[in-house]
Amino acid sequence: MQHELKPRMTNPAYLLPEAGPAIQNLVKATRQGGVPESILELVHLRASQINSCGFCVDYGVKSARKAGVSDEKLFAVAAWREAPYFSDEERAALALAEHATRIADTSDAVPDAVWDAAADHFDEKQLAAIVLMVGLTNLFNRLNVTVKQPAGVAI
């Protein structure tokens, strides 16, 4: 049995004529930071899991596969700390993504240790791309969760 969901309204990024292209330009900018696309996709997927955005998790898995992320990593990304499949670089990016997504959970949202671990693997331009990807993912998640955008449905 398949549960059929319908969005409450057209996604705001498509309803407001200048929003979609502006967001897409920001997405393109994340790809100019020198971070492997596979890592950006893992970051997107993990933040989307945290935010329970079914649309973005579904889309994120498909995009990550296209970027060469293995099924082992896709199946284990929610438990990346306990899984052996992730490099130190991926772990640092995933930790940064989690902390930057859960900013309301603690007074020190992104502790220096998390930032420093990421900075050990990524230069400033790369960190900018990761931080921007996390911010955009959180924007996507909030739009899609609010309007109840169903997973697997093109928008």
C-alpha atoms as a PDB file:
ATOM      1  CA  MET A   1       0.000   0.000   0.000  1.00  0.00           C
ATOM      2  CA  GLN A   2       1.387   3.359  -0.976  1.00  0.00           C
ATOM      3  CA  HIS A   3       0.623   6.452   1.042  1.00  0.00           C
ATOM      4  CA  GLU A   4      -0.297   9.269  -1.315  1.00  0.00           C
ATOM      5  CA  LEU A   5       0.708  12.718  -0.191  1.00  0.00           C
ATOM      6  CA  LYS A   6      -0.229  15.956  -1.864  1.00  0.00           C
ATOM      7  CA  PRO A   7       1.566  19.228  -1.316  1.00  0.00           C
ATOM      8  CA  ARG A   8      -0.333  22.021   0.402  1.00  0.00           C
ATOM      9  CA  MET A   9       0.679  24.466  -2.294  1.00  0.00           C
ATOM     10  CA  THR A  10       3.174  24.997  -5.088  1.00  0.00           C
ATOM     11  CA  ASN A  11       6.685  25.127  -3.706  1.00  0.00           C
ATOM     12  CA  PRO A  12       7.528  28.770  -2.880  1.00  0.00           C
ATOM     13  CA  ALA A  13      10.802  28.527  -4.810  1.00  0.00           C
ATOM     14  CA  TYR A  14       8.741  27.969  -7.959  1.00  0.00           C
ATOM     15  CA  LEU A  15       5.805  30.198  -7.099  1.00  0.00           C
ATOM     16  CA  LEU A  16       7.881  33.355  -6.684  1.00  0.00           C
ATOM     17  CA  PRO A  17       9.526  34.012 -10.064  1.00  0.00           C
ATOM     18  CA  GLU A  18      12.878  35.302  -8.790  1.00  0.00           C
ATOM     19  CA  ALA A  19      13.335  32.747  -6.005  1.00  0.00           C
ATOM     20  CA  GLY A  20      14.040  29.614  -8.055  1.00  0.00           C
ATOM     21  CA  PRO A  21      16.815  31.047 -10.237  1.00  0.00           C
ATOM     22  CA  ALA A  22      18.435  32.750  -7.232  1.00  0.00           C
ATOM     23  CA  ILE A  23      18.465  29.479  -5.285  1.00  0.00           C
ATOM     24  CA  GLN A  24      19.813  27.562  -8.284  1.00  0.00           C
ATOM     25  CA  ASN A  25      22.643  30.088  -8.605  1.00  0.00           C
ATOM     26  CA  LEU A  26      23.541  29.440  -4.975  1.00  0.00           C
ATOM     27  CA  VAL A  27      23.516  25.693  -5.634  1.00  0.00           C
ATOM     28  CA  LYS A  28      25.903  26.249  -8.554  1.00  0.00           C
ATOM     29  CA  ALA A  29      28.145  28.308  -6.275  1.00  0.00           C
ATOM     30  CA  THR A  30      28.537  25.366  -3.890  1.00  0.00           C
ATOM     31  CA  ARG A  31      30.044  23.400  -6.775  1.00  0.00           C
ATOM     32  CA  GLN A  32      32.738  26.045  -7.241  1.00  0.00           C
ATOM     33  CA  GLY A  33      34.364  25.568  -3.843  1.00  0.00           C
ATOM     34  CA  GLY A  34      36.506  22.582  -4.732  1.00  0.00           C
ATOM     35  CA  VAL A  35      34.681  20.078  -2.528  1.00  0.00           C
ATOM     36  CA  PRO A  36      34.050  16.707  -4.149  1.00  0.00           C
ATOM     37  CA  GLU A  37      30.419  16.518  -5.222  1.00  0.00           C
ATOM     38  CA  SER A  38      30.067  13.225  -3.368  1.00  0.00           C
ATOM     39  CA  ILE A  39      30.820  14.994  -0.072  1.00  0.00           C
ATOM     40  CA  LEU A  40      28.364  17.791  -0.816  1.00  0.00           C
ATOM     41  CA  GLU A  41      25.728  15.166  -1.543  1.00  0.00           C
ATOM     42  CA  LEU A  42      26.442  13.337   1.733  1.00  0.00           C
ATOM     43  CA  VAL A  43      26.140  16.646   3.601  1.00  0.00           C
ATOM     44  CA  HIS A  44      22.826  17.360   1.868  1.00  0.00           C
ATOM     45  CA  LEU A  45      21.504  13.893   2.627  1.00  0.00           C
ATOM     46  CA  ARG A  46      22.476  13.968   6.302  1.00  0.00           C
ATOM     47  CA  ALA A  47      20.947  17.390   6.952  1.00  0.00           C
ATOM     48  CA  SER A  48      17.786  16.284   5.147  1.00  0.00           C
ATOM     49  CA  GLN A  49      17.573  13.160   7.310  1.00  0.00           C
ATOM     50  CA  ILE A  50      17.897  15.261  10.467  1.00  0.00           C
ATOM     51  CA  ASN A  51      15.123  17.571   9.269  1.00  0.00           C
ATOM     52  CA  SER A  52      12.866  14.669   8.197  1.00  0.00           C
ATOM     53  CA  CYS A  53      12.475  16.018   4.680  1.00  0.00           C
ATOM     54  CA  GLY A  54      11.285  13.004   2.697  1.00  0.00           C
ATOM     55  CA  PHE A  55      11.489  14.847  -0.605  1.00  0.00           C
ATOM     56  CA  CYS A  56      15.106  15.890  -0.011  1.00  0.00           C
ATOM     57  CA  VAL A  57      16.164  12.486   1.328  1.00  0.00           C
ATOM     58  CA  ASP A  58      14.737  10.805  -1.772  1.00  0.00           C
ATOM     59  CA  TYR A  59      16.286  13.387  -4.096  1.00  0.00           C
ATOM     60  CA  GLY A  60      19.527  13.340  -2.110  1.00  0.00           C
ATOM     61  CA  VAL A  61      19.975   9.585  -2.426  1.00  0.00           C
ATOM     62  CA  LYS A  62      19.454   9.775  -6.180  1.00  0.00           C
ATOM     63  CA  SER A  63      21.863  12.714  -6.539  1.00  0.00           C
ATOM     64  CA  ALA A  64      24.457  11.058  -4.338  1.00  0.00           C
ATOM     65  CA  ARG A  65      24.355   7.907  -6.450  1.00  0.00           C
ATOM     66  CA  LYS A  66      24.906  10.014  -9.576  1.00  0.00           C
ATOM     67  CA  ALA A  67      27.893  11.599  -7.815  1.00  0.00           C
ATOM     68  CA  GLY A  68      29.379   8.155  -7.207  1.00  0.00           C
ATOM     69  CA  VAL A  69      28.454   7.616  -3.554  1.00  0.00           C
ATOM     70  CA  SER A  70      28.358   3.888  -2.804  1.00  0.00           C
ATOM     71  CA  ASP A  71      25.257   2.110  -1.561  1.00  0.00           C
ATOM     72  CA  GLU A  72      27.156   1.182   1.625  1.00  0.00           C
ATOM     73  CA  LYS A  73      27.595   4.866   2.432  1.00  0.00           C
ATOM     74  CA  LEU A  74      24.019   5.738   1.460  1.00  0.00           C
ATOM     75  CA  PHE A  75      22.644   2.997   3.709  1.00  0.00           C
ATOM     76  CA  ALA A  76      24.877   4.050   6.603  1.00  0.00           C
ATOM     77  CA  VAL A  77      24.927   7.847   6.408  1.00  0.00           C
ATOM     78  CA  ALA A  78      22.455   8.215   9.300  1.00  0.00           C
ATOM     79  CA  ALA A  79      24.910   6.214  11.432  1.00  0.00           C
ATOM     80  CA  TRP A  80      28.146   7.485   9.905  1.00  0.00           C
ATOM     81  CA  ARG A  81      29.962   7.601  13.252  1.00  0.00           C
ATOM     82  CA  GLU A  82      29.521   3.849  13.715  1.00  0.00           C
ATOM     83  CA  ALA A  83      30.050   2.822  10.078  1.00  0.00           C
ATOM     84  CA  PRO A  84      33.477   2.005   8.629  1.00  0.00           C
ATOM     85  CA  TYR A  85      32.749   3.331   5.128  1.00  0.00           C
ATOM     86  CA  PHE A  86      33.529   7.031   5.564  1.00  0.00           C
ATOM     87  CA  SER A  87      36.859   8.806   5.167  1.00  0.00           C
ATOM     88  CA  ASP A  88      38.123  11.278   7.761  1.00  0.00           C
ATOM     89  CA  GLU A  89      37.302  14.070   5.301  1.00  0.00           C
ATOM     90  CA  GLU A  90      33.698  12.845   4.909  1.00  0.00           C
ATOM     91  CA  ARG A  91      33.335  12.457   8.673  1.00  0.00           C
ATOM     92  CA  ALA A  92      34.502  16.025   9.255  1.00  0.00           C
ATOM     93  CA  ALA A  93      32.004  17.343   6.693  1.00  0.00           C
ATOM     94  CA  LEU A  94      29.174  15.248   8.140  1.00  0.00           C
ATOM     95  CA  ALA A  95      29.916  16.426  11.685  1.00  0.00           C
ATOM     96  CA  LEU A  96      29.917  20.043  10.518  1.00  0.00           C
ATOM     97  CA  ALA A  97      26.642  19.484   8.662  1.00  0.00           C
ATOM     98  CA  GLU A  98      24.987  17.948  11.715  1.00  0.00           C
ATOM     99  CA  HIS A  99      26.067  20.720  14.065  1.00  0.00           C
ATOM    100  CA  ALA A 100      25.166  23.499  11.614  1.00  0.00           C
ATOM    101  CA  THR A 101      21.739  21.908  11.103  1.00  0.00           C
ATOM    102  CA  ARG A 102      21.002  21.438  14.807  1.00  0.00           C
ATOM    103  CA  ILE A 103      21.878  24.989  15.837  1.00  0.00           C
ATOM    104  CA  ALA A 104      19.028  25.250  18.349  1.00  0.00           C
ATOM    105  CA  ASP A 105      20.052  22.101  20.229  1.00  0.00           C
ATOM    106  CA  THR A 106      22.932  23.644  22.203  1.00  0.00           C
ATOM    107  CA  SER A 107      24.377  27.014  23.143  1.00  0.00           C
ATOM    108  CA  ASP A 108      27.602  26.198  21.270  1.00  0.00           C
ATOM    109  CA  ALA A 109      26.016  25.070  18.019  1.00  0.00           C
ATOM    110  CA  VAL A 110      29.237  24.453  16.108  1.00  0.00           C
ATOM    111  CA  PRO A 111      31.973  23.791  18.673  1.00  0.00           C
ATOM    112  CA  ASP A 112      35.550  24.723  17.858  1.00  0.00           C
ATOM    113  CA  ALA A 113      36.524  21.042  17.809  1.00  0.00           C
ATOM    114  CA  VAL A 114      34.012  20.328  15.029  1.00  0.00           C
ATOM    115  CA  TRP A 115      35.095  23.385  13.063  1.00  0.00           C
ATOM    116  CA  ASP A 116      38.790  22.651  13.559  1.00  0.00           C
ATOM    117  CA  ALA A 117      38.346  19.044  12.390  1.00  0.00           C
ATOM    118  CA  ALA A 118      36.676  20.303   9.212  1.00  0.00           C
ATOM    119  CA  ALA A 119      39.372  22.961   8.754  1.00  0.00           C
ATOM    120  CA  ASP A 120      42.015  20.216   8.962  1.00  0.00           C
ATOM    121  CA  HIS A 121      40.558  18.739   5.754  1.00  0.00           C
ATOM    122  CA  PHE A 122      39.151  21.730   3.879  1.00  0.00           C
ATOM    123  CA  ASP A 123      40.459  25.198   3.047  1.00  0.00           C
ATOM    124  CA  GLU A 124      38.324  28.333   3.500  1.00  0.00           C
ATOM    125  CA  LYS A 125      36.793  28.167   0.036  1.00  0.00           C
ATOM    126  CA  GLN A 126      35.860  24.537   0.564  1.00  0.00           C
ATOM    127  CA  LEU A 127      34.462  25.292   4.018  1.00  0.00           C
ATOM    128  CA  ALA A 128      32.411  28.079   2.453  1.00  0.00           C
ATOM    129  CA  ALA A 129      30.956  25.593  -0.030  1.00  0.00           C
ATOM    130  CA  ILE A 130      30.073  23.117   2.719  1.00  0.00           C
ATOM    131  CA  VAL A 131      28.523  25.769   4.963  1.00  0.00           C
ATOM    132  CA  LEU A 132      26.559  27.155   2.020  1.00  0.00           C
ATOM    133  CA  MET A 133      25.383  23.640   1.101  1.00  0.00           C
ATOM    134  CA  VAL A 134      24.208  23.041   4.672  1.00  0.00           C
ATOM    135  CA  GLY A 135      22.364  26.369   4.696  1.00  0.00           C
ATOM    136  CA  LEU A 136      20.724  25.677   1.339  1.00  0.00           C
ATOM    137  CA  THR A 137      19.767  22.189   2.388  1.00  0.00           C
ATOM    138  CA  ASN A 138      18.126  23.565   5.502  1.00  0.00           C
ATOM    139  CA  LEU A 139      16.266  26.067   3.305  1.00  0.00           C
ATOM    140  CA  PHE A 140      15.104  23.276   0.978  1.00  0.00           C
ATOM    141  CA  ASN A 141      14.076  21.154   3.947  1.00  0.00           C
ATOM    142  CA  ARG A 142      12.055  23.940   5.508  1.00  0.00           C
ATOM    143  CA  LEU A 143      10.280  24.762   2.258  1.00  0.00           C
ATOM    144  CA  ASN A 144       9.469  21.139   1.449  1.00  0.00           C
ATOM    145  CA  VAL A 145       8.455  20.085   4.959  1.00  0.00           C
ATOM    146  CA  THR A 146       6.218  23.143   5.384  1.00  0.00           C
ATOM    147  CA  VAL A 147       4.348  22.635   2.105  1.00  0.00           C
ATOM    148  CA  LYS A 148       4.412  18.825   2.543  1.00  0.00           C
ATOM    149  CA  GLN A 149       6.217  18.229  -0.758  1.00  0.00           C
ATOM    150  CA  PRO A 150       5.940  14.471  -1.354  1.00  0.00           C
ATOM    151  CA  ALA A 151       9.026  12.377  -1.987  1.00  0.00           C
ATOM    152  CA  GLY A 152       9.538  11.027  -5.471  1.00  0.00           C
ATOM    153  CA  VAL A 153       7.383  13.686  -7.134  1.00  0.00           C
ATOM    154  CA  ALA A 154       9.014  16.170  -9.475  1.00  0.00           C
ATOM    155  CA  ILE A 155       8.424  19.808  -8.631  1.00  0.00           C
END
